[in-house]
PDB file of all heavy atoms in Angstrom:
ATOM      1  N   ALA A   1      53.894 -63.455 138.897  1.00  0.00           N
ATOM      2  CA  ALA A   1      53.355 -62.069 139.258  1.00  0.00           C
ATOM      3  C   ALA A   1      53.557 -61.095 138.166  1.00  0.00           C
ATOM      4  O   ALA A   1      54.086 -59.996 138.407  1.00  0.00           O
ATOM      5  CB  ALA A   1      54.192 -61.678 140.708  1.00  0.00           C
ATOM      6  N   GLY A   2      53.173 -61.547 137.026  1.00  0.00           N
ATOM      7  CA  GLY A   2      53.498 -60.735 135.772  1.00  0.00           C
ATOM      8  C   GLY A   2      52.736 -59.307 135.901  1.00  0.00           C
ATOM      9  O   GLY A   2      53.387 -58.308 135.466  1.00  0.00           O
ATOM     10  N   GLU A   3      51.512 -59.327 136.443  1.00  0.00           N
ATOM     11  CA  GLU A   3      50.786 -58.022 136.543  1.00  0.00           C
ATOM     12  C   GLU A   3      51.527 -57.113 137.464  1.00  0.00           C
ATOM     13  O   GLU A   3      51.653 -55.950 137.144  1.00  0.00           O
ATOM     14  CB  GLU A   3      49.382 -58.314 136.915  1.00  0.00           C
ATOM     15  CG  GLU A   3      48.520 -56.962 136.845  1.00  0.00           C
ATOM     16  CD  GLU A   3      47.015 -57.251 137.104  1.00  0.00           C
ATOM     17  OE1 GLU A   3      46.671 -58.482 137.485  1.00  0.00           O
ATOM     18  OE2 GLU A   3      46.113 -56.433 136.812  1.00  0.00           O
ATOM     19  N   LEU A   4      51.933 -57.607 138.618  1.00  0.00           N
ATOM     20  CA  LEU A   4      52.693 -56.778 139.624  1.00  0.00           C
ATOM     21  C   LEU A   4      54.058 -56.402 139.109  1.00  0.00           C
ATOM     22  O   LEU A   4      54.284 -55.170 139.182  1.00  0.00           O
ATOM     23  CB  LEU A   4      52.906 -57.651 140.876  1.00  0.00           C
ATOM     24  CG  LEU A   4      53.759 -57.026 141.977  1.00  0.00           C
ATOM     25  CD1 LEU A   4      53.010 -55.787 142.387  1.00  0.00           C
ATOM     26  CD2 LEU A   4      53.997 -57.983 143.145  1.00  0.00           C
ATOM     27  N   ILE A   5      54.618 -57.141 138.293  1.00  0.00           N
ATOM     28  CA  ILE A   5      56.040 -56.710 137.772  1.00  0.00           C
ATOM     29  C   ILE A   5      55.810 -55.682 136.704  1.00  0.00           C
ATOM     30  O   ILE A   5      56.662 -54.761 136.660  1.00  0.00           O
ATOM     31  CB  ILE A   5      56.686 -58.152 137.164  1.00  0.00           C
ATOM     32  CG1 ILE A   5      57.096 -58.948 138.220  1.00  0.00           C
ATOM     33  CG2 ILE A   5      57.898 -57.624 136.249  1.00  0.00           C
ATOM     34  CD1 ILE A   5      58.146 -58.474 139.330  1.00  0.00           C
ATOM     35  N   ASN A   6      54.787 -55.804 135.861  1.00  0.00           N
ATOM     36  CA  ASN A   6      54.607 -54.869 134.914  1.00  0.00           C
ATOM     37  C   ASN A   6      54.260 -53.447 135.388  1.00  0.00           C
ATOM     38  O   ASN A   6      54.756 -52.435 135.033  1.00  0.00           O
ATOM     39  CB  ASN A   6      53.499 -55.254 133.908  1.00  0.00           C
ATOM     40  CG  ASN A   6      54.086 -56.177 132.792  1.00  0.00           C
ATOM     41  OD1 ASN A   6      55.251 -56.388 132.678  1.00  0.00           O
ATOM     42  ND2 ASN A   6      53.163 -56.622 131.995  1.00  0.00           N
ATOM     43  N   ALA A   7      53.383 -53.597 136.497  1.00  0.00           N
ATOM     44  CA  ALA A   7      53.032 -52.232 137.180  1.00  0.00           C
ATOM     45  C   ALA A   7      54.291 -51.713 137.761  1.00  0.00           C
ATOM     46  O   ALA A   7      54.445 -50.399 137.800  1.00  0.00           O
ATOM     47  CB  ALA A   7      51.927 -52.535 138.281  1.00  0.00           C
ATOM     48  N   LEU A   8      55.170 -52.248 138.389  1.00  0.00           N
ATOM     49  CA  LEU A   8      56.374 -51.803 139.059  1.00  0.00           C
ATOM     50  C   LEU A   8      57.289 -51.275 137.922  1.00  0.00           C
ATOM     51  O   LEU A   8      57.848 -50.141 138.080  1.00  0.00           O
ATOM     52  CB  LEU A   8      57.107 -52.851 139.763  1.00  0.00           C
ATOM     53  CG  LEU A   8      56.709 -53.214 141.263  1.00  0.00           C
ATOM     54  CD1 LEU A   8      57.633 -54.335 141.760  1.00  0.00           C
ATOM     55  CD2 LEU A   8      56.895 -51.940 142.106  1.00  0.00           C
ATOM     56  N   ALA A   9      57.492 -51.999 136.813  1.00  0.00           N
ATOM     57  CA  ALA A   9      58.210 -51.551 135.706  1.00  0.00           C
ATOM     58  C   ALA A   9      57.736 -50.306 135.115  1.00  0.00           C
ATOM     59  O   ALA A   9      58.538 -49.411 134.743  1.00  0.00           O
ATOM     60  CB  ALA A   9      58.378 -52.697 134.709  1.00  0.00           C
ATOM     61  N   ASN A  10      56.555 -50.131 135.067  1.00  0.00           N
ATOM     62  CA  ASN A  10      55.986 -48.910 134.508  1.00  0.00           C
ATOM     63  C   ASN A  10      56.193 -47.692 135.515  1.00  0.00           C
ATOM     64  O   ASN A  10      56.405 -46.601 135.073  1.00  0.00           O
ATOM     65  CB  ASN A  10      54.383 -49.019 134.275  1.00  0.00           C
ATOM     66  CG  ASN A  10      54.165 -49.890 132.947  1.00  0.00           C
ATOM     67  OD1 ASN A  10      54.957 -50.040 132.056  1.00  0.00           O
ATOM     68  ND2 ASN A  10      53.037 -50.615 133.090  1.00  0.00           N
ATOM     69  N   GLU A  11      55.970 -48.065 136.737  1.00  0.00           N
ATOM     70  CA  GLU A  11      56.113 -46.954 137.816  1.00  0.00           C
ATOM     71  C   GLU A  11      57.498 -46.552 137.847  1.00  0.00           C
ATOM     72  O   GLU A  11      57.723 -45.348 138.021  1.00  0.00           O
ATOM     73  CB  GLU A  11      55.707 -47.623 139.176  1.00  0.00           C
ATOM     74  CG  GLU A  11      55.841 -46.632 140.317  1.00  0.00           C
ATOM     75  CD  GLU A  11      55.417 -47.228 141.642  1.00  0.00           C
ATOM     76  OE1 GLU A  11      55.008 -48.349 141.731  1.00  0.00           O
ATOM     77  OE2 GLU A  11      55.787 -46.506 142.731  1.00  0.00           O
ATOM     78  N   TYR A  12      58.521 -47.346 137.770  1.00  0.00           N
ATOM     79  CA  TYR A  12      59.916 -46.918 137.824  1.00  0.00           C
ATOM     80  C   TYR A  12      60.584 -46.749 136.545  1.00  0.00           C
ATOM     81  O   TYR A  12      61.804 -46.687 136.496  1.00  0.00           O
ATOM     82  CB  TYR A  12      60.747 -48.001 138.703  1.00  0.00           C
ATOM     83  CG  TYR A  12      60.246 -47.894 140.183  1.00  0.00           C
ATOM     84  CD1 TYR A  12      59.328 -48.829 140.684  1.00  0.00           C
ATOM     85  CD2 TYR A  12      60.866 -47.044 141.042  1.00  0.00           C
ATOM     86  CE1 TYR A  12      58.826 -48.746 141.963  1.00  0.00           C
ATOM     87  CE2 TYR A  12      60.455 -46.971 142.498  1.00  0.00           C
ATOM     88  CZ  TYR A  12      59.486 -47.670 142.950  1.00  0.00           C
ATOM     89  OH  TYR A  12      59.052 -47.794 144.241  1.00  0.00           O
ATOM     90  N   GLN A  13      59.849 -46.952 135.471  1.00  0.00           N
ATOM     91  CA  GLN A  13      60.403 -46.655 134.123  1.00  0.00           C
ATOM     92  C   GLN A  13      61.665 -47.554 133.996  1.00  0.00           C
ATOM     93  O   GLN A  13      62.738 -47.124 133.465  1.00  0.00           O
ATOM     94  CB  GLN A  13      60.729 -45.165 133.859  1.00  0.00           C
ATOM     95  CG  GLN A  13      59.604 -44.258 134.035  1.00  0.00           C
ATOM     96  CD  GLN A  13      58.569 -44.510 132.722  1.00  0.00           C
ATOM     97  OE1 GLN A  13      58.886 -44.379 131.674  1.00  0.00           O
ATOM     98  NE2 GLN A  13      57.358 -45.025 133.131  1.00  0.00           N
ATOM     99  N   THR A  14      61.458 -48.904 134.116  1.00  0.00           N
ATOM    100  CA  THR A  14      62.567 -49.795 134.129  1.00  0.00           C
ATOM    101  C   THR A  14      62.282 -50.794 132.908  1.00  0.00           C
ATOM    102  O   THR A  14      61.341 -51.519 132.875  1.00  0.00           O
ATOM    103  CB  THR A  14      62.704 -50.659 135.349  1.00  0.00           C
ATOM    104  OG1 THR A  14      62.792 -49.805 136.591  1.00  0.00           O
ATOM    105  CG2 THR A  14      63.803 -51.717 135.337  1.00  0.00           C
ATOM    106  N   PRO A  15      63.231 -50.855 132.080  1.00  0.00           N
ATOM    107  CA  PRO A  15      63.075 -51.729 130.905  1.00  0.00           C
ATOM    108  C   PRO A  15      63.344 -53.233 131.245  1.00  0.00           C
ATOM    109  O   PRO A  15      64.203 -53.516 132.048  1.00  0.00           O
ATOM    110  CB  PRO A  15      64.234 -51.311 129.884  1.00  0.00           C
ATOM    111  CG  PRO A  15      65.216 -50.615 130.802  1.00  0.00           C
ATOM    112  CD  PRO A  15      64.394 -50.061 131.839  1.00  0.00           C
ATOM    113  N   ILE A  16      62.477 -54.117 130.712  1.00  0.00           N
ATOM    114  CA  ILE A  16      62.731 -55.699 130.919  1.00  0.00           C
ATOM    115  C   ILE A  16      62.947 -56.204 129.626  1.00  0.00           C
ATOM    116  O   ILE A  16      62.156 -56.137 128.658  1.00  0.00           O
ATOM    117  CB  ILE A  16      61.373 -56.119 131.500  1.00  0.00           C
ATOM    118  CG1 ILE A  16      61.128 -55.522 132.997  1.00  0.00           C
ATOM    119  CG2 ILE A  16      61.650 -57.723 131.613  1.00  0.00           C
ATOM    120  CD1 ILE A  16      59.825 -56.121 133.586  1.00  0.00           C
ATOM    121  N   LEU A  17      64.056 -56.768 129.466  1.00  0.00           N
ATOM    122  CA  LEU A  17      64.669 -57.264 128.137  1.00  0.00           C
ATOM    123  C   LEU A  17      64.601 -58.861 128.334  1.00  0.00           C
ATOM    124  O   LEU A  17      65.286 -59.364 129.119  1.00  0.00           O
ATOM    125  CB  LEU A  17      66.043 -56.804 127.893  1.00  0.00           C
ATOM    126  CG  LEU A  17      66.225 -55.219 127.751  1.00  0.00           C
ATOM    127  CD1 LEU A  17      67.708 -54.914 127.544  1.00  0.00           C
ATOM    128  CD2 LEU A  17      65.245 -54.685 126.720  1.00  0.00           C
ATOM    129  N   PRO A  18      63.843 -59.406 127.430  1.00  0.00           N
ATOM    130  CA  PRO A  18      63.803 -60.885 127.548  1.00  0.00           C
ATOM    131  C   PRO A  18      65.118 -61.727 127.117  1.00  0.00           C
ATOM    132  O   PRO A  18      65.599 -61.347 126.253  1.00  0.00           O
ATOM    133  CB  PRO A  18      62.701 -61.334 126.650  1.00  0.00           C
ATOM    134  CG  PRO A  18      62.639 -60.205 125.667  1.00  0.00           C
ATOM    135  CD  PRO A  18      63.107 -58.931 126.381  1.00  0.00           C
ATOM    136  N   VAL A  19      65.402 -62.737 127.868  1.00  0.00           N
ATOM    137  CA  VAL A  19      66.608 -63.525 127.533  1.00  0.00           C
ATOM    138  C   VAL A  19      66.212 -64.904 127.104  1.00  0.00           C
ATOM    139  O   VAL A  19      67.057 -65.497 126.322  1.00  0.00           O
ATOM    140  CB  VAL A  19      67.535 -63.575 128.702  1.00  0.00           C
ATOM    141  CG1 VAL A  19      68.601 -64.587 128.654  1.00  0.00           C
ATOM    142  CG2 VAL A  19      68.067 -62.245 129.147  1.00  0.00           C
ATOM    143  N   ASP A  20      65.043 -65.375 127.468  1.00  0.00           N
ATOM    144  CA  ASP A  20      64.659 -66.774 126.925  1.00  0.00           C
ATOM    145  C   ASP A  20      64.699 -66.575 125.359  1.00  0.00           C
ATOM    146  O   ASP A  20      64.329 -65.618 124.719  1.00  0.00           O
ATOM    147  CB  ASP A  20      63.204 -66.955 127.336  1.00  0.00           C
ATOM    148  CG  ASP A  20      63.121 -67.905 128.452  1.00  0.00           C
ATOM    149  OD1 ASP A  20      64.008 -68.381 128.910  1.00  0.00           O
ATOM    150  OD2 ASP A  20      62.052 -67.902 128.934  1.00  0.00           O
ATOM    151  N   SER A  21      65.263 -67.622 124.709  1.00  0.00           N
ATOM    152  CA  SER A  21      65.485 -67.605 123.235  1.00  0.00           C
ATOM    153  C   SER A  21      64.185 -67.192 122.532  1.00  0.00           C
ATOM    154  O   SER A  21      64.120 -66.495 121.601  1.00  0.00           O
ATOM    155  CB  SER A  21      66.091 -68.822 122.803  1.00  0.00           C
ATOM    156  OG  SER A  21      65.196 -69.877 122.999  1.00  0.00           O
ATOM    157  N   GLU A  22      63.089 -67.860 123.040  1.00  0.00           N
ATOM    158  CA  GLU A  22      61.750 -67.636 122.432  1.00  0.00           C
ATOM    159  C   GLU A  22      61.258 -66.186 122.510  1.00  0.00           C
ATOM    160  O   GLU A  22      60.872 -65.551 121.557  1.00  0.00           O
ATOM    161  CB  GLU A  22      60.685 -68.640 122.854  1.00  0.00           C
ATOM    162  CG  GLU A  22      60.968 -70.084 122.605  1.00  0.00           C
ATOM    163  CD  GLU A  22      61.868 -70.653 123.605  1.00  0.00           C
ATOM    164  OE1 GLU A  22      62.443 -69.923 124.426  1.00  0.00           O
ATOM    165  OE2 GLU A  22      62.088 -71.777 123.461  1.00  0.00           O
ATOM    166  N   HIS A  23      61.393 -65.644 123.758  1.00  0.00           N
ATOM    167  CA  HIS A  23      60.886 -64.264 123.930  1.00  0.00           C
ATOM    168  C   HIS A  23      61.873 -63.287 123.319  1.00  0.00           C
ATOM    169  O   HIS A  23      61.413 -62.187 122.844  1.00  0.00           O
ATOM    170  CB  HIS A  23      60.698 -64.062 125.335  1.00  0.00           C
ATOM    171  CG  HIS A  23      59.654 -64.960 126.004  1.00  0.00           C
ATOM    172  ND1 HIS A  23      59.862 -66.033 126.763  1.00  0.00           N
ATOM    173  CD2 HIS A  23      58.264 -64.955 125.836  1.00  0.00           C
ATOM    174  CE1 HIS A  23      58.800 -66.582 127.017  1.00  0.00           C
ATOM    175  NE2 HIS A  23      57.839 -66.057 126.568  1.00  0.00           N
ATOM    176  N   SER A  24      63.115 -63.590 123.415  1.00  0.00           N
ATOM    177  CA  SER A  24      64.145 -62.700 122.639  1.00  0.00           C
ATOM    178  C   SER A  24      63.800 -62.636 121.202  1.00  0.00           C
ATOM    179  O   SER A  24      63.858 -61.581 120.451  1.00  0.00           O
ATOM    180  CB  SER A  24      65.539 -63.157 122.901  1.00  0.00           C
ATOM    181  OG  SER A  24      66.405 -62.368 122.100  1.00  0.00           O
ATOM    182  N   ALA A  25      63.414 -63.841 120.600  1.00  0.00           N
ATOM    183  CA  ALA A  25      63.131 -63.838 119.175  1.00  0.00           C
ATOM    184  C   ALA A  25      61.962 -62.952 118.843  1.00  0.00           C
ATOM    185  O   ALA A  25      61.903 -62.198 117.916  1.00  0.00           O
ATOM    186  CB  ALA A  25      62.892 -65.257 118.748  1.00  0.00           C
ATOM    187  N   ILE A  26      60.843 -63.131 119.713  1.00  0.00           N
ATOM    188  CA  ILE A  26      59.607 -62.388 119.477  1.00  0.00           C
ATOM    189  C   ILE A  26      60.016 -60.756 119.525  1.00  0.00           C
ATOM    190  O   ILE A  26      59.693 -59.919 118.888  1.00  0.00           O
ATOM    191  CB  ILE A  26      58.536 -62.615 120.564  1.00  0.00           C
ATOM    192  CG1 ILE A  26      58.059 -64.088 120.421  1.00  0.00           C
ATOM    193  CG2 ILE A  26      57.369 -61.589 120.571  1.00  0.00           C
ATOM    194  CD1 ILE A  26      57.389 -64.344 119.126  1.00  0.00           C
ATOM    195  N   PHE A  27      60.855 -60.400 120.612  1.00  0.00           N
ATOM    196  CA  PHE A  27      61.381 -59.115 120.830  1.00  0.00           C
ATOM    197  C   PHE A  27      62.025 -58.517 119.636  1.00  0.00           C
ATOM    198  O   PHE A  27      61.859 -57.278 119.344  1.00  0.00           O
ATOM    199  CB  PHE A  27      62.189 -58.977 122.212  1.00  0.00           C
ATOM    200  CG  PHE A  27      62.586 -57.644 122.526  1.00  0.00           C
ATOM    201  CD1 PHE A  27      61.686 -56.771 122.879  1.00  0.00           C
ATOM    202  CD2 PHE A  27      63.938 -57.303 122.506  1.00  0.00           C
ATOM    203  CE1 PHE A  27      62.127 -55.432 123.421  1.00  0.00           C
ATOM    204  CE2 PHE A  27      64.469 -56.065 122.877  1.00  0.00           C
ATOM    205  CZ  PHE A  27      63.483 -55.121 123.372  1.00  0.00           C
ATOM    206  N   GLN A  28      62.852 -59.331 119.103  1.00  0.00           N
ATOM    207  CA  GLN A  28      63.489 -58.954 117.830  1.00  0.00           C
ATOM    208  C   GLN A  28      62.842 -58.845 116.576  1.00  0.00           C
ATOM    209  O   GLN A  28      63.090 -58.081 115.640  1.00  0.00           O
ATOM    210  CB  GLN A  28      64.695 -59.917 117.569  1.00  0.00           C
ATOM    211  CG  GLN A  28      65.786 -59.865 118.682  1.00  0.00           C
ATOM    212  CD  GLN A  28      66.932 -60.890 118.389  1.00  0.00           C
ATOM    213  OE1 GLN A  28      67.567 -60.850 117.415  1.00  0.00           O
ATOM    214  NE2 GLN A  28      67.029 -61.857 119.380  1.00  0.00           N
ATOM    215  N   CYS A  29      61.615 -59.516 116.607  1.00  0.00           N
ATOM    216  CA  CYS A  29      60.730 -59.489 115.376  1.00  0.00           C
ATOM    217  C   CYS A  29      59.723 -58.245 115.305  1.00  0.00           C
ATOM    218  O   CYS A  29      59.080 -57.982 114.302  1.00  0.00           O
ATOM    219  CB  CYS A  29      60.143 -60.693 115.226  1.00  0.00           C
ATOM    220  SG  CYS A  29      60.940 -62.191 114.653  1.00  0.00           S
ATOM    221  N   LEU A  30      59.505 -57.773 116.520  1.00  0.00           N
ATOM    222  CA  LEU A  30      58.284 -56.739 116.658  1.00  0.00           C
ATOM    223  C   LEU A  30      58.701 -55.639 115.884  1.00  0.00           C
ATOM    224  O   LEU A  30      59.941 -55.160 115.677  1.00  0.00           O
ATOM    225  CB  LEU A  30      58.265 -56.309 118.155  1.00  0.00           C
ATOM    226  CG  LEU A  30      57.736 -57.497 119.164  1.00  0.00           C
ATOM    227  CD1 LEU A  30      57.614 -56.911 120.450  1.00  0.00           C
ATOM    228  CD2 LEU A  30      56.249 -57.857 118.701  1.00  0.00           C
ATOM    229  N   GLU A  31      57.671 -54.919 115.430  1.00  0.00           N
ATOM    230  CA  GLU A  31      57.804 -53.655 114.654  1.00  0.00           C
ATOM    231  C   GLU A  31      57.037 -52.561 115.429  1.00  0.00           C
ATOM    232  O   GLU A  31      55.758 -52.778 115.691  1.00  0.00           O
ATOM    233  CB  GLU A  31      57.181 -53.804 113.371  1.00  0.00           C
ATOM    234  CG  GLU A  31      58.118 -54.704 112.518  1.00  0.00           C
ATOM    235  CD  GLU A  31      57.364 -54.909 111.109  1.00  0.00           C
ATOM    236  OE1 GLU A  31      56.331 -54.282 110.746  1.00  0.00           O
ATOM    237  OE2 GLU A  31      58.032 -55.646 110.275  1.00  0.00           O
ATOM    238  N   MET A  32      57.638 -51.524 115.875  1.00  0.00           N
ATOM    239  CA  MET A  32      56.975 -50.453 116.722  1.00  0.00           C
ATOM    240  C   MET A  32      55.783 -49.861 116.112  1.00  0.00           C
ATOM    241  O   MET A  32      54.720 -49.703 116.772  1.00  0.00           O
ATOM    242  CB  MET A  32      57.955 -49.427 117.115  1.00  0.00           C
ATOM    243  CG  MET A  32      59.169 -49.769 117.791  1.00  0.00           C
ATOM    244  SD  MET A  32      58.787 -50.609 119.446  1.00  0.00           S
ATOM    245  CE  MET A  32      58.046 -49.043 120.251  1.00  0.00           C
ATOM    246  N   GLN A  33      55.657 -49.686 114.836  1.00  0.00           N
ATOM    247  CA  GLN A  33      54.700 -49.017 114.274  1.00  0.00           C
ATOM    248  C   GLN A  33      53.465 -49.988 113.801  1.00  0.00           C
ATOM    249  O   GLN A  33      52.391 -49.405 113.345  1.00  0.00           O
ATOM    250  CB  GLN A  33      55.196 -48.217 113.070  1.00  0.00           C
ATOM    251  CG  GLN A  33      55.606 -49.125 111.779  1.00  0.00           C
ATOM    252  CD  GLN A  33      56.978 -49.474 111.940  1.00  0.00           C
ATOM    253  OE1 GLN A  33      57.542 -49.647 113.058  1.00  0.00           O
ATOM    254  NE2 GLN A  33      57.743 -49.890 110.698  1.00  0.00           N
ATOM    255  N   ASN A  34      53.668 -51.310 113.896  1.00  0.00           N
ATOM    256  CA  ASN A  34      52.668 -52.200 113.320  1.00  0.00           C
ATOM    257  C   ASN A  34      52.116 -53.124 114.395  1.00  0.00           C
ATOM    258  O   ASN A  34      53.042 -53.715 115.082  1.00  0.00           O
ATOM    259  CB  ASN A  34      53.224 -52.978 112.171  1.00  0.00           C
ATOM    260  CG  ASN A  34      53.542 -52.136 110.902  1.00  0.00           C
ATOM    261  OD1 ASN A  34      52.586 -51.379 110.543  1.00  0.00           O
ATOM    262  ND2 ASN A  34      54.644 -52.312 110.318  1.00  0.00           N
ATOM    263  N   SER A  35      50.869 -53.402 114.480  1.00  0.00           N
ATOM    264  CA  SER A  35      50.197 -54.232 115.512  1.00  0.00           C
ATOM    265  C   SER A  35      50.444 -55.625 115.090  1.00  0.00           C
ATOM    266  O   SER A  35      50.201 -55.902 113.871  1.00  0.00           O
ATOM    267  CB  SER A  35      48.768 -53.914 115.623  1.00  0.00           C
ATOM    268  OG  SER A  35      48.692 -52.495 116.239  1.00  0.00           O
ATOM    269  N   LEU A  36      50.631 -56.495 116.013  1.00  0.00           N
ATOM    270  CA  LEU A  36      50.750 -57.935 115.609  1.00  0.00           C
ATOM    271  C   LEU A  36      49.367 -58.515 115.800  1.00  0.00           C
ATOM    272  O   LEU A  36      48.443 -58.037 116.625  1.00  0.00           O
ATOM    273  CB  LEU A  36      51.847 -58.652 116.419  1.00  0.00           C
ATOM    274  CG  LEU A  36      51.791 -58.666 118.050  1.00  0.00           C
ATOM    275  CD1 LEU A  36      50.756 -59.627 118.534  1.00  0.00           C
ATOM    276  CD2 LEU A  36      53.008 -58.855 118.610  1.00  0.00           C
ATOM    277  N   GLU A  37      49.214 -59.723 115.001  1.00  0.00           N
ATOM    278  CA  GLU A  37      47.980 -60.331 115.207  1.00  0.00           C
ATOM    279  C   GLU A  37      48.171 -61.522 116.280  1.00  0.00           C
ATOM    280  O   GLU A  37      47.291 -61.770 117.137  1.00  0.00           O
ATOM    281  CB  GLU A  37      47.540 -61.065 113.910  1.00  0.00           C
ATOM    282  CG  GLU A  37      46.250 -61.677 113.994  1.00  0.00           C
ATOM    283  CD  GLU A  37      45.719 -62.010 112.422  1.00  0.00           C
ATOM    284  OE1 GLU A  37      45.421 -61.013 111.861  1.00  0.00           O
ATOM    285  OE2 GLU A  37      45.574 -63.173 112.087  1.00  0.00           O
ATOM    286  N   LYS A  38      49.320 -62.241 116.238  1.00  0.00           N
ATOM    287  CA  LYS A  38      49.630 -63.237 117.184  1.00  0.00           C
ATOM    288  C   LYS A  38      51.086 -63.503 117.247  1.00  0.00           C
ATOM    289  O   LYS A  38      51.746 -63.004 116.300  1.00  0.00           O
ATOM    290  CB  LYS A  38      48.813 -64.484 116.975  1.00  0.00           C
ATOM    291  CG  LYS A  38      49.379 -65.258 115.674  1.00  0.00           C
ATOM    292  CD  LYS A  38      48.576 -66.595 115.437  1.00  0.00           C
ATOM    293  CE  LYS A  38      48.861 -67.313 114.191  1.00  0.00           C
ATOM    294  NZ  LYS A  38      48.182 -68.495 113.974  1.00  0.00           N
ATOM    295  N   ILE A  39      51.533 -64.267 118.134  1.00  0.00           N
ATOM    296  CA  ILE A  39      52.850 -64.765 118.284  1.00  0.00           C
ATOM    297  C   ILE A  39      52.791 -66.269 118.172  1.00  0.00           C
ATOM    298  O   ILE A  39      51.889 -66.862 118.626  1.00  0.00           O
ATOM    299  CB  ILE A  39      53.704 -64.202 119.543  1.00  0.00           C
ATOM    300  CG1 ILE A  39      53.311 -64.806 120.708  1.00  0.00           C
ATOM    301  CG2 ILE A  39      53.720 -62.750 119.528  1.00  0.00           C
ATOM    302  CD1 ILE A  39      54.084 -64.517 121.982  1.00  0.00           C
TER     303      ILE A  39
END
């Protein structure tokens, strides 16, 4: 239910921090000011 979870998180202003090693890695590599092409 990713779409539903994202909508709820936006509505309640709740941060979702990834714990999976792969998604945590992506999260740590992101740059707020630059758009990514792919992961």
